[in-house]
């Protein structure tokens, strides 16, 4: 029997197994509610396992990549970082634009004597971001501080590049490979984990629980869709001069779907690394850019922050002019870069954006609560956009370089089969 199960697991595509787990999870949530606490364990174990191994994976992969990197290597992640920043800012523009086209109000409790605080908060985000860079490396690993993990991994990798011998480099390479293999084993439990996650989410919130926030949810999801299928492809086309949609669809299908259910950019790092490998990208680049993207490439988060902040402003009857809206885009973009790559991370940055309008913490935290109410779908769609675009822009930067050299082919933009 075990042989039969193993043959089925290895013979059926993982995405099909996940689809089956999704259907079973919905059926359990709708018709077998007493079973939900049992299957929920699978979801909690799956996500916890991914989150537990992801910091170690990032640390060793980045350190190994920096240690193995040749001094005269031509690759650079600067073009990728530029794409991350541009896309995050443009996404916030999309969110603000959609909020003006479809203004949304929320049911908030506002005290009669409530006063609006002066704009502030972005300095605190920058301060926190800078301090996290020099966090104790052990503490960074323990608390999944990916900015700190990346910083120390890069520093240690650069130091090892000039001091480590060939045997040490080989040992690091083998260790990074072993950790990657270990993560792939965890990924194979995705169908069971997603079954538990879906059953718990639908069972807790219910299919009709989101109707009260349908417009807000609609604005968010449409904004995510516009960025994923209009803005991002436009950026890819400008860089590659090739049809962007094969690459866009591959990243959404092979990365976004997983991220949709795990709701964690950090937990989806192994999936993205595998997709980059299938696209034939340079491992010296993507082993750094993918973990970095899980930390700073947060287009979906910038949309969430800007849309919910403007919803609070509309609810309070605040008049928002274009310069103020532009300031919100900047605040949302910078705030999104400080968002943790875990489920619900962007919601905690909403008070920073609300502070741009002088909205106090008591009101903004109510907006955060609204965000958690709709997070069953909102956070999943946001993470799918964030994580899939990590691969998209990593590939785009390399393909743009190939185009300049005249070596880019249309088939390069389609990943090889597993």
Protein backbone atom coordinates (compact mmCIF):
# COMPACT_ATOMS: atom_id res chain seq x y z
CA UNK A 1 0.00 0.00 0.00
CA UNK A 2 2.83 2.39 0.86
CA UNK A 3 4.38 1.65 -2.53
CA UNK A 4 1.10 2.52 -4.25
CA UNK A 5 0.81 5.80 -2.33
CA UNK A 6 4.43 6.69 -3.12
CA UNK A 7 3.87 5.95 -6.83
CA UNK A 8 0.76 8.15 -6.85
CA UNK A 9 2.52 10.98 -5.02
CA UNK A 10 5.50 10.92 -7.38
CA UNK A 11 3.40 10.30 -10.52
CA UNK A 12 0.73 12.99 -10.07
CA UNK A 13 1.72 16.63 -10.47
CA UNK A 14 1.90 18.47 -7.15
CA UNK A 15 -0.47 21.18 -8.38
CA UNK A 16 -3.13 18.51 -9.07
CA UNK A 17 -2.64 17.10 -5.60
CA UNK A 18 -3.09 20.59 -4.19
CA UNK A 19 -6.33 21.03 -6.18
CA UNK A 20 -7.64 17.80 -4.68
CA UNK A 21 -6.65 18.98 -1.20
CA UNK A 22 -8.44 22.29 -1.86
CA UNK A 23 -11.69 20.56 -2.85
CA UNK A 24 -11.54 18.20 0.13
CA UNK A 25 -10.89 21.15 2.46
CA UNK A 26 -13.95 23.03 1.19
CA UNK A 27 -16.13 19.91 1.47
CA UNK A 28 -14.97 19.36 5.07
CA UNK A 29 -15.66 23.01 5.95
CA UNK A 30 -19.18 22.91 4.50
CA UNK A 31 -20.40 19.44 5.45
CA UNK A 32 -18.10 17.96 8.11
CA UNK A 33 -17.42 20.84 10.54
CA UNK A 34 -16.54 18.55 13.50
CA UNK A 35 -13.57 17.29 11.51
CA UNK A 36 -12.10 20.80 11.02
CA UNK A 37 -10.06 20.84 14.27
CA UNK A 38 -8.44 17.57 13.18
CA UNK A 39 -7.46 18.58 9.62
CA UNK A 40 -6.48 22.05 10.83
CA UNK A 41 -3.49 20.39 12.45
CA UNK A 42 -2.13 19.48 9.01
CA UNK A 43 -2.35 23.11 7.88
CA UNK A 44 -0.70 24.45 11.01
CA UNK A 45 2.10 21.87 10.81
CA UNK A 46 2.72 22.56 7.13
CA UNK A 47 2.98 26.34 7.45
CA UNK A 48 4.96 26.11 10.69
CA UNK A 49 7.39 23.69 9.10
CA UNK A 50 7.89 26.00 6.11
CA UNK A 51 8.32 29.06 8.29
CA UNK A 52 10.70 27.16 10.54
CA UNK A 53 13.00 26.01 7.76
CA UNK A 54 12.77 29.13 5.55
CA UNK A 55 15.09 31.35 7.68
CA UNK A 56 17.77 28.65 7.72
CA UNK A 57 17.32 28.08 3.99
CA UNK A 58 17.69 31.79 3.23
CA UNK A 59 20.76 32.17 5.45
CA UNK A 60 22.71 29.28 3.99
CA UNK A 61 21.66 29.81 0.36
CA UNK A 62 22.62 33.49 0.38
CA UNK A 63 25.83 32.88 2.32
CA UNK A 64 26.78 30.06 -0.05
CA UNK A 65 25.93 32.15 -3.12
CA UNK A 66 28.12 35.03 -1.91
CA UNK A 67 30.96 32.71 -0.91
CA UNK A 68 30.93 30.88 -4.27
CA UNK A 69 30.55 34.04 -6.35
CA UNK A 70 33.55 34.81 -8.51
CA UNK A 71 35.19 38.19 -8.06
CA UNK A 72 34.79 39.02 -11.74
CA UNK A 73 31.23 37.72 -12.03
CA UNK A 74 29.12 39.78 -14.39
CA UNK A 75 25.77 39.15 -12.76
CA UNK A 76 24.29 41.72 -10.44
CA UNK A 77 21.04 41.99 -8.56
CA UNK A 78 20.90 45.79 -8.91
CA UNK A 79 18.56 45.64 -11.96
CA UNK A 80 16.30 43.26 -10.03
CA UNK A 81 16.13 45.57 -7.01
CA UNK A 82 15.27 48.47 -9.32
CA UNK A 83 12.42 46.43 -10.81
CA UNK A 84 11.22 45.51 -7.30
CA UNK A 85 11.12 49.18 -6.27
CA UNK A 86 9.47 50.43 -9.47
CA UNK A 87 6.82 47.73 -9.39
CA UNK A 88 6.01 48.32 -5.71
CA UNK A 89 5.57 52.06 -6.25
CA UNK A 90 3.49 51.60 -9.43
CA UNK A 91 1.30 49.08 -7.59
CA UNK A 92 0.56 51.68 -4.92
CA UNK A 93 -0.45 54.08 -7.71
CA UNK A 94 -2.88 51.44 -8.98
CA UNK A 95 -4.34 50.98 -5.49
CA UNK A 96 -4.77 54.72 -4.96
CA UNK A 97 -6.32 55.14 -8.40
CA UNK A 98 -8.82 52.34 -7.79
CA UNK A 99 -9.70 53.83 -4.40
CA UNK A 100 -10.51 57.18 -6.02
CA UNK A 101 -12.57 55.52 -8.76
CA UNK A 102 -14.47 53.36 -6.27
CA UNK A 103 -14.37 55.12 -2.88
CA UNK A 104 -15.12 52.75 -0.02
CA UNK A 105 -16.34 53.51 3.48
CA UNK A 106 -16.07 51.30 6.54
CA UNK A 107 -18.12 50.80 9.66
CA UNK A 108 -15.78 52.38 12.21
CA UNK A 109 -16.41 53.58 15.74
CA UNK A 110 -15.23 57.18 16.04
CA UNK A 111 -15.37 58.95 19.39
CA UNK A 112 -17.09 62.38 19.30
CA UNK A 113 -13.99 64.07 20.71
CA UNK A 114 -11.54 62.16 18.51
CA UNK A 115 -8.73 64.33 17.18
CA UNK A 116 -6.62 63.69 14.14
CA UNK A 117 -2.91 63.43 14.83
CA UNK A 118 -0.37 65.19 12.61
CA UNK A 119 1.24 63.16 9.80
CA UNK A 120 4.00 60.91 11.14
CA UNK A 121 5.17 57.35 11.18
CA UNK A 122 7.33 56.78 8.11
CA UNK A 123 10.48 57.65 10.09
CA UNK A 124 9.61 54.88 12.53
CA UNK A 125 9.37 52.38 9.66
CA UNK A 126 12.77 53.44 8.32
CA UNK A 127 14.23 53.38 11.83
CA UNK A 128 12.93 49.86 12.42
CA UNK A 129 14.18 48.74 9.01
CA UNK A 130 17.69 50.05 9.62
CA UNK A 131 17.89 48.54 13.12
CA UNK A 132 16.75 45.15 11.80
CA UNK A 133 19.79 45.08 9.51
CA UNK A 134 22.16 44.95 12.48
CA UNK A 135 20.03 42.60 14.57
CA UNK A 136 21.87 39.81 16.37
CA UNK A 137 22.20 37.04 13.74
CA UNK A 138 20.97 34.35 16.14
CA UNK A 139 18.00 36.52 17.08
CA UNK A 140 17.33 37.22 13.39
CA UNK A 141 17.18 33.49 12.68
CA UNK A 142 15.01 32.79 15.72
CA UNK A 143 12.50 35.55 14.94
CA UNK A 144 12.59 35.27 11.12
CA UNK A 145 13.94 38.79 10.68
CA UNK A 146 14.74 38.37 6.98
CA UNK A 147 16.41 41.77 6.60
CA UNK A 148 18.84 40.83 9.37
CA UNK A 149 19.27 37.31 7.99
CA UNK A 150 20.07 38.64 4.54
CA UNK A 151 22.50 41.24 5.87
CA UNK A 152 24.50 38.78 7.96
CA UNK A 153 24.41 36.10 5.25
CA UNK A 154 25.83 38.56 2.71
CA UNK A 155 28.51 39.82 5.12
CA UNK A 156 29.57 36.32 6.15
CA UNK A 157 29.48 35.11 2.54
CA UNK A 158 31.72 37.97 1.39
CA UNK A 159 34.13 37.25 4.26
CA UNK A 160 34.21 33.54 3.35
CA UNK A 161 34.85 34.38 -0.29
CA UNK A 162 38.26 35.78 0.62
CA UNK A 163 39.18 33.38 3.44
CA UNK A 164 37.56 29.99 2.78
CA UNK A 165 39.46 27.22 1.05
CA UNK A 166 38.06 24.91 -1.63
CA UNK A 167 37.08 22.29 0.95
CA UNK A 168 35.08 24.86 2.94
CA UNK A 169 33.34 26.07 -0.22
CA UNK A 170 32.41 22.52 -1.14
CA UNK A 171 31.09 21.92 2.37
CA UNK A 172 28.93 25.06 2.20
CA UNK A 173 27.62 24.03 -1.19
CA UNK A 174 26.71 20.55 0.06
CA UNK A 175 25.05 22.01 3.17
CA UNK A 176 22.95 24.42 1.09
CA UNK A 177 21.94 21.54 -1.17
CA UNK A 178 20.97 19.36 1.81
CA UNK A 179 18.78 22.11 3.28
CA UNK A 180 17.13 22.65 -0.11
CA UNK A 181 16.43 18.91 -0.30
CA UNK A 182 14.94 18.97 3.18
CA UNK A 183 12.62 21.80 2.17
CA UNK A 184 11.49 19.87 -0.91
CA UNK A 185 10.37 17.07 1.41
CA UNK A 186 8.27 19.55 3.35
CA UNK A 187 6.77 20.86 0.12
CA UNK A 188 5.52 17.38 -0.76
CA UNK A 189 3.14 17.60 2.21
CA UNK A 190 1.49 20.66 0.63
CA UNK A 191 -1.77 18.86 -0.35
CA UNK A 192 -2.46 17.81 3.24
CA UNK A 193 -1.41 21.20 4.57
CA UNK A 194 -3.59 23.12 2.13
CA UNK A 195 -6.54 20.83 2.90
CA UNK A 196 -6.21 21.85 6.54
CA UNK A 197 -5.68 25.55 5.78
CA UNK A 198 -8.70 25.78 3.49
CA UNK A 199 -10.97 23.83 5.83
CA UNK A 200 -10.03 26.09 8.74
CA UNK A 201 -10.36 29.36 6.77
CA UNK A 202 -13.73 28.56 5.21
CA UNK A 203 -15.01 26.95 8.39
CA UNK A 204 -14.05 29.97 10.50
CA UNK A 205 -15.12 32.83 8.22
CA UNK A 206 -17.84 31.08 6.21
CA UNK A 207 -18.59 31.70 2.55
CA UNK A 208 -21.01 34.53 3.34
CA UNK A 209 -18.96 36.27 6.02
CA UNK A 210 -17.19 38.43 3.46
CA UNK A 211 -20.32 39.90 1.83
CA UNK A 212 -20.37 42.88 4.18
CA UNK A 213 -16.99 43.97 2.84
CA UNK A 214 -17.58 42.97 -0.77
CA UNK A 215 -16.74 46.37 -2.27
CA UNK A 216 -13.51 46.78 -0.32
CA UNK A 217 -12.49 43.24 -1.16
CA UNK A 218 -13.44 43.82 -4.80
CA UNK A 219 -11.28 46.96 -5.05
CA UNK A 220 -8.32 45.09 -3.58
CA UNK A 221 -8.64 41.99 -5.73
CA UNK A 222 -9.18 43.97 -8.94
CA UNK A 223 -6.11 46.06 -8.09
CA UNK A 224 -4.05 42.91 -7.55
CA UNK A 225 -5.31 41.57 -10.88
CA UNK A 226 -4.50 44.78 -12.76
CA UNK A 227 -0.95 44.72 -11.43
CA UNK A 228 -0.45 41.00 -12.11
CA UNK A 229 -1.94 40.90 -15.61
CA UNK A 230 -1.53 44.45 -16.94
CA UNK A 231 1.13 46.50 -15.15
CA UNK A 232 3.68 43.72 -14.60
CA UNK A 233 3.43 42.40 -18.19
CA UNK A 234 3.93 45.95 -19.46
CA UNK A 235 7.13 46.26 -17.41
CA UNK A 236 8.34 42.87 -18.67
CA UNK A 237 7.63 43.85 -22.29
CA UNK A 238 9.52 47.13 -21.94
CA UNK A 239 12.56 45.22 -20.70
CA UNK A 240 12.48 42.16 -22.97
CA UNK A 241 10.50 43.24 -26.07
CA UNK A 242 8.95 39.77 -26.06
CA UNK A 243 5.41 38.57 -25.38
CA UNK A 244 5.37 38.71 -21.56
CA UNK A 245 2.33 36.55 -20.90
CA UNK A 246 3.95 33.08 -21.12
CA UNK A 247 6.34 34.14 -18.36
CA UNK A 248 3.62 35.96 -16.39
CA UNK A 249 1.29 32.97 -16.55
CA UNK A 250 4.05 30.56 -15.53
CA UNK A 251 4.94 32.62 -12.45
CA UNK A 252 1.29 32.97 -11.43
CA UNK A 253 0.53 29.28 -11.98
CA UNK A 254 3.70 27.77 -10.55
CA UNK A 255 4.42 30.28 -7.79
CA UNK A 256 1.29 32.35 -7.14
CA UNK A 257 -0.97 29.35 -6.57
CA UNK A 258 1.26 27.97 -3.82
CA UNK A 259 1.62 31.40 -2.21
CA UNK A 260 -2.16 31.87 -2.38
CA UNK A 261 -2.65 29.00 0.04
CA UNK A 262 0.40 29.31 2.29
CA UNK A 263 -0.11 33.11 2.53
CA UNK A 264 3.59 33.59 3.21
CA UNK A 265 6.18 34.97 0.79
CA UNK A 266 8.92 33.57 3.02
CA UNK A 267 7.40 30.09 3.06
CA UNK A 268 7.15 30.17 -0.75
CA UNK A 269 10.87 30.81 -1.25
CA UNK A 270 11.69 27.14 -2.03
CA UNK A 271 8.97 27.06 -4.72
CA UNK A 272 10.36 30.21 -6.33
CA UNK A 273 13.92 28.88 -6.28
CA UNK A 274 12.75 25.75 -8.06
CA UNK A 275 10.91 27.80 -10.69
CA UNK A 276 13.98 29.97 -11.31
CA UNK A 277 16.01 26.82 -11.87
CA UNK A 278 13.45 25.56 -14.42
CA UNK A 279 13.66 28.91 -16.20
CA UNK A 280 17.40 28.42 -16.58
CA UNK A 281 18.33 31.51 -14.58
CA UNK A 282 21.72 32.14 -12.99
CA UNK A 283 21.75 30.59 -9.49
CA UNK A 284 24.32 33.13 -8.29
CA UNK A 285 21.64 35.76 -8.85
CA UNK A 286 18.34 34.13 -7.95
CA UNK A 287 19.57 32.56 -4.69
CA UNK A 288 19.99 36.15 -3.48
CA UNK A 289 17.18 37.97 -5.29
CA UNK A 290 14.40 35.53 -4.33
CA UNK A 291 14.94 35.73 -0.55
CA UNK A 292 15.44 39.48 -0.94
CA UNK A 293 12.19 39.74 -2.91
CA UNK A 294 10.31 37.94 -0.14
CA UNK A 295 11.35 40.84 2.09
CA UNK A 296 11.19 43.98 -0.06
CA UNK A 297 9.20 43.15 -3.22
CA UNK A 298 5.75 43.82 -1.81
CA UNK A 299 3.54 45.21 -4.57
CA UNK A 300 0.47 43.53 -3.08
CA UNK A 301 1.25 44.92 0.35
CA UNK A 302 1.56 48.47 -1.01
CA UNK A 303 -1.90 48.10 -2.58
CA UNK A 304 -3.39 46.80 0.67
CA UNK A 305 -1.88 49.58 2.74
CA UNK A 306 -2.95 52.38 0.38
CA UNK A 307 -6.48 51.08 -0.28
CA UNK A 308 -7.33 50.51 3.40
CA UNK A 309 -5.80 53.83 4.45
CA UNK A 310 -7.90 55.67 1.84
CA UNK A 311 -10.98 53.72 2.94
CA UNK A 312 -10.42 55.08 6.45
CA UNK A 313 -10.00 58.61 5.06
CA UNK A 314 -13.19 58.34 3.02
CA UNK A 315 -15.06 57.03 6.06
CA UNK A 316 -13.96 60.06 8.10
CA UNK A 317 -14.84 62.44 5.25
CA UNK A 318 -11.27 63.65 4.77
CA UNK A 319 -10.58 65.44 1.49
CA UNK A 320 -7.53 63.88 -0.16
CA UNK A 321 -5.81 65.95 -2.85
CA UNK A 322 -3.34 64.64 -5.43
CA UNK A 323 -0.15 65.67 -3.58
CA UNK A 324 -1.42 63.91 -0.45
CA UNK A 325 -2.31 60.85 -2.50
CA UNK A 326 1.17 60.86 -4.01
CA UNK A 327 2.64 61.05 -0.51
CA UNK A 328 0.51 58.03 0.40
CA UNK A 329 2.04 56.11 -2.53
CA UNK A 330 5.53 56.84 -1.22
CA UNK A 331 4.57 55.93 2.35
CA UNK A 332 2.85 52.73 1.19
CA UNK A 333 5.83 51.70 -0.92
CA UNK A 334 8.38 52.27 1.85
CA UNK A 335 6.07 50.73 4.44
CA UNK A 336 5.51 47.69 2.23
CA UNK A 337 9.27 47.09 2.11
CA UNK A 338 9.17 46.80 5.90
CA UNK A 339 6.38 44.23 5.78
CA UNK A 340 7.27 40.79 7.08
CA UNK A 341 6.89 38.01 4.54
CA UNK A 342 4.25 36.20 6.59
CA UNK A 343 0.47 36.01 6.49
CA UNK A 344 -1.15 39.32 7.45
CA UNK A 345 2.15 41.18 7.59
CA UNK A 346 0.97 44.16 5.51
CA UNK A 347 -2.02 44.87 7.75
CA UNK A 348 0.23 45.93 10.61
CA UNK A 349 1.66 48.75 8.45
CA UNK A 350 -1.76 50.34 7.83
CA UNK A 351 -1.48 52.69 10.85
CA UNK A 352 1.67 54.17 9.30
CA UNK A 353 -0.23 55.12 6.14
CA UNK A 354 -3.21 56.33 8.15
CA UNK A 355 -0.87 58.62 10.06
CA UNK A 356 -0.14 60.39 6.76
CA UNK A 357 -3.71 61.68 6.92
CA UNK A 358 -3.51 62.46 10.62
CA UNK A 359 -5.69 59.48 11.53
CA UNK A 360 -5.01 58.31 15.07
CA UNK A 361 -4.06 54.82 16.19
CA UNK A 362 -7.46 54.05 17.75
CA UNK A 363 -9.17 54.42 14.37
CA UNK A 364 -6.42 52.92 12.26
CA UNK A 365 -6.36 49.77 14.39
CA UNK A 366 -10.06 49.32 13.63
CA UNK A 367 -9.08 49.39 9.96
CA UNK A 368 -6.49 46.71 10.70
CA UNK A 369 -9.28 44.62 12.25
CA UNK A 370 -11.32 45.00 9.06
CA UNK A 371 -8.29 43.83 7.14
CA UNK A 372 -8.11 40.67 9.21
CA UNK A 373 -11.81 40.03 8.62
CA UNK A 374 -11.32 39.97 4.85
CA UNK A 375 -7.87 38.43 5.01
CA UNK A 376 -9.18 34.97 4.08
CA UNK A 377 -9.12 36.12 0.44
CA UNK A 378 -7.27 39.43 0.57
CA UNK A 379 -4.08 38.16 2.17
CA UNK A 380 -4.00 35.10 -0.07
CA UNK A 381 -4.31 37.19 -3.27
CA UNK A 382 -1.81 39.74 -2.00
CA UNK A 383 0.79 37.08 -1.21
CA UNK A 384 0.23 35.39 -4.58
CA UNK A 385 1.04 38.69 -6.32
CA UNK A 386 4.04 39.41 -4.10
CA UNK A 387 5.65 36.00 -4.41
CA UNK A 388 5.01 35.37 -8.10
CA UNK A 389 6.49 38.75 -9.03
CA UNK A 390 9.72 37.83 -7.19
CA UNK A 391 10.40 35.25 -9.91
CA UNK A 392 8.93 37.45 -12.64
CA UNK A 393 11.32 40.35 -12.08
CA UNK A 394 14.32 38.13 -11.36
CA UNK A 395 13.75 36.50 -14.75
CA UNK A 396 12.98 39.81 -16.44
CA UNK A 397 16.28 41.36 -15.37
CA UNK A 398 18.26 38.41 -16.73
CA UNK A 399 16.22 38.21 -19.93
CA UNK A 400 16.68 41.94 -20.49
CA UNK A 401 20.44 41.40 -20.27
CA UNK A 402 20.19 38.54 -22.77
CA UNK A 403 18.18 40.77 -25.12
CA UNK A 404 20.98 43.34 -25.10
CA UNK A 405 23.44 40.57 -26.01
CA UNK A 406 21.09 39.23 -28.70
CA UNK A 407 20.75 35.79 -27.09
CA UNK A 408 17.16 35.96 -25.76
CA UNK A 409 14.71 33.54 -27.36
CA UNK A 410 10.93 33.41 -26.91
CA UNK A 411 11.13 29.84 -25.58
CA UNK A 412 13.43 31.01 -22.77
CA UNK A 413 10.42 32.66 -21.15
CA UNK A 414 8.66 29.32 -20.63
CA UNK A 415 9.95 27.14 -17.74
CA UNK A 416 11.03 23.59 -18.43
CA UNK A 417 8.86 20.77 -17.16
CA UNK A 418 9.77 19.28 -13.79
